Structure formats: structure tokens, C-alpha cells
Amino acid sequence: MKQFAFVNNAAEREYKDFPKEIQQQFGTSLRAVQDDKKPFLPIQTLESISAGVIELKINGSPAFRCVYIAKFLDTVVVLHSFEKTTNGVDRQAMKTVEKRYKELKAEIEKMKRQK
């Protein structure tokens, strides 16, 4: 089973600010991914950021998103969670995902060098 982590404290805070039932829905899918199974929720791959970055979707008004990557260190890492109120791409959210992805990669590189 893969480990589970948030990329940073802000990512954890965002997730935990979601209503409980939203956290549970995302949690169920994230646990499936930890077990190398398919998530239950609809997904979208965010190739524009990097291969392996996945957005879990809960549609509705408002809609909720949870973006994770599961290809490093045998860990499912949540990069960003956000509420979506408009149709189309939330550019600010994608900027946040991209920034955190870069930070995660830098952290992994640093760990590799320390070994």
C-alpha cells in the first residue's frame, strides 16, 4: 500500500476545510489509489503540469477538486484542493498546483542527493 501525504501544510489545511462529506468522498478515492486501484470519482489528468498529476472531481454547485500525484516515493501526495465556482479552468488553482509540484520535485531531488 502506498503512503499518503500532503505536499505542505497549506494543502492539508485546504483539504480539511472542505465539508466532511466532501473529504470522505475524496478520501475514499485517494485510499483506492493508495491500494493501486482506480479512484471512484471522475478524474482528469493534468498533463499540462506533468504526467501523473491527477484531478479528482466532485461536480455540483459549488464543485470541488482535489489534485494529487502518485508516482513518487511510493506515496499519494495531495498537491491542492479547491472549490470551483466557474466553468472552465481555474487558472489560479492550476498555478498553485504547478508551484507545489515543482516544490515537491525539488524536495525529492534534495532527498536523492542526501542518500
Protein backbone atom coordinates (compact mmCIF):
# COMPACT_ATOMS: atom_id res chain seq x y z
CA MET A 1 0.00 0.00 0.00
CA LYS A 2 1.25 3.46 -0.87
CA GLN A 3 1.84 6.10 1.78
CA PHE A 4 -0.29 9.23 1.91
CA ALA A 5 0.87 12.82 2.37
CA PHE A 6 0.03 16.43 1.73
CA VAL A 7 2.69 18.37 -0.16
CA ASN A 8 2.67 21.07 2.55
CA ASN A 9 0.62 22.48 5.44
CA ALA A 10 -1.42 24.72 3.16
CA ALA A 11 -2.51 21.71 1.09
CA GLU A 12 -3.58 19.89 4.24
CA ARG A 13 -5.49 22.94 5.52
CA GLU A 14 -7.38 23.35 2.22
CA TYR A 15 -8.42 19.71 2.28
CA LYS A 16 -9.51 19.81 5.91
CA ASP A 17 -11.54 22.98 5.29
CA PHE A 18 -13.83 21.01 2.98
CA PRO A 19 -17.18 19.84 4.36
CA LYS A 20 -16.86 16.38 5.99
CA GLU A 21 -18.82 14.56 3.26
CA ILE A 22 -16.57 16.05 0.56
CA GLN A 23 -13.47 14.96 2.49
CA GLN A 24 -14.95 11.46 2.76
CA GLN A 25 -15.64 11.22 -0.96
CA PHE A 26 -12.13 12.35 -1.84
CA GLY A 27 -10.70 10.15 0.92
CA THR A 28 -12.37 7.03 -0.47
CA SER A 29 -10.87 7.66 -3.91
CA LEU A 30 -7.44 8.54 -2.52
CA ARG A 31 -7.43 5.33 -0.47
CA ALA A 32 -8.27 3.35 -3.62
CA VAL A 33 -5.27 4.96 -5.33
CA GLN A 34 -3.09 4.04 -2.34
CA ASP A 35 -4.16 0.42 -2.95
CA ASP A 36 -3.26 0.72 -6.66
CA LYS A 37 -6.92 0.73 -7.64
CA LYS A 38 -8.87 3.23 -9.72
CA PRO A 39 -10.40 6.18 -7.87
CA PHE A 40 -14.20 6.11 -7.56
CA LEU A 41 -14.62 9.74 -8.54
CA PRO A 42 -14.26 11.06 -12.09
CA ILE A 43 -10.70 12.15 -12.85
CA GLN A 44 -8.86 14.37 -15.26
CA THR A 45 -5.16 14.03 -15.98
CA LEU A 46 -3.35 17.35 -15.86
CA GLU A 47 -0.71 16.59 -18.48
CA SER A 48 -0.07 20.33 -18.88
CA ILE A 49 1.53 20.27 -15.42
CA SER A 50 3.12 16.83 -15.61
CA ALA A 51 2.35 13.22 -16.43
CA GLY A 52 0.86 11.61 -13.35
CA VAL A 53 -0.83 14.72 -11.94
CA ILE A 54 -4.49 13.79 -11.46
CA GLU A 55 -7.52 15.90 -10.57
CA LEU A 56 -10.37 14.21 -8.70
CA LYS A 57 -13.72 15.84 -9.41
CA ILE A 58 -16.91 16.30 -7.44
CA ASN A 59 -19.26 18.25 -9.67
CA GLY A 60 -22.12 20.36 -8.47
CA SER A 61 -22.62 23.90 -7.34
CA PRO A 62 -20.08 24.55 -5.99
CA ALA A 63 -17.81 21.88 -7.45
CA PHE A 64 -14.79 20.52 -5.58
CA ARG A 65 -11.40 19.40 -6.83
CA CYS A 66 -8.51 17.53 -5.25
CA VAL A 67 -5.26 17.27 -7.21
CA TYR A 68 -2.72 14.58 -6.40
CA ILE A 69 0.27 12.74 -7.81
CA ALA A 70 1.12 9.14 -7.01
CA LYS A 71 4.33 8.49 -8.92
CA PHE A 72 7.00 9.49 -6.39
CA LEU A 73 8.36 7.72 -3.30
CA ASP A 74 5.52 5.20 -3.36
CA THR A 75 3.29 7.93 -1.93
CA VAL A 76 -0.01 9.54 -2.91
CA VAL A 77 0.68 13.27 -2.46
CA VAL A 78 -2.16 15.79 -2.42
CA LEU A 79 -0.94 18.96 -4.13
CA HIS A 80 -4.04 21.16 -3.92
CA SER A 81 -7.73 21.04 -3.01
CA PHE A 82 -10.13 23.76 -4.01
CA GLU A 83 -13.72 24.75 -4.53
CA LYS A 84 -14.65 25.60 -8.08
CA THR A 85 -17.37 28.13 -8.79
CA THR A 86 -16.89 28.77 -12.52
CA ASN A 87 -16.86 26.64 -15.62
CA GLY A 88 -13.55 26.24 -17.38
CA VAL A 89 -10.06 26.10 -15.96
CA ASP A 90 -9.37 27.76 -12.65
CA ARG A 91 -6.08 29.41 -13.62
CA GLN A 92 -5.15 30.44 -10.09
CA ALA A 93 -5.66 26.87 -8.85
CA MET A 94 -3.55 25.48 -11.71
CA LYS A 95 -0.76 27.95 -10.85
CA THR A 96 -0.85 26.69 -7.26
CA VAL A 97 -0.74 23.06 -8.43
CA GLU A 98 2.21 23.80 -10.71
CA LYS A 99 4.13 25.64 -8.00
CA ARG A 100 3.60 22.86 -5.45
CA TYR A 101 4.52 20.19 -7.99
CA LYS A 102 7.82 21.98 -8.63
CA GLU A 103 8.44 22.23 -4.87
CA LEU A 104 7.75 18.51 -4.46
CA LYS A 105 10.16 17.62 -7.27
CA ALA A 106 12.85 19.86 -5.78
CA GLU A 107 12.33 18.18 -2.38
CA ILE A 108 12.65 14.71 -3.95
CA GLU A 109 15.85 15.73 -5.76
CA LYS A 110 17.26 17.01 -2.47
CA MET A 111 16.41 13.71 -0.75
CA LYS A 112 18.09 11.74 -3.54
CA ARG A 113 21.27 13.79 -3.19
CA GLN A 114 21.35 13.23 0.57
CA LYS A 115 21.30 9.43 0.20
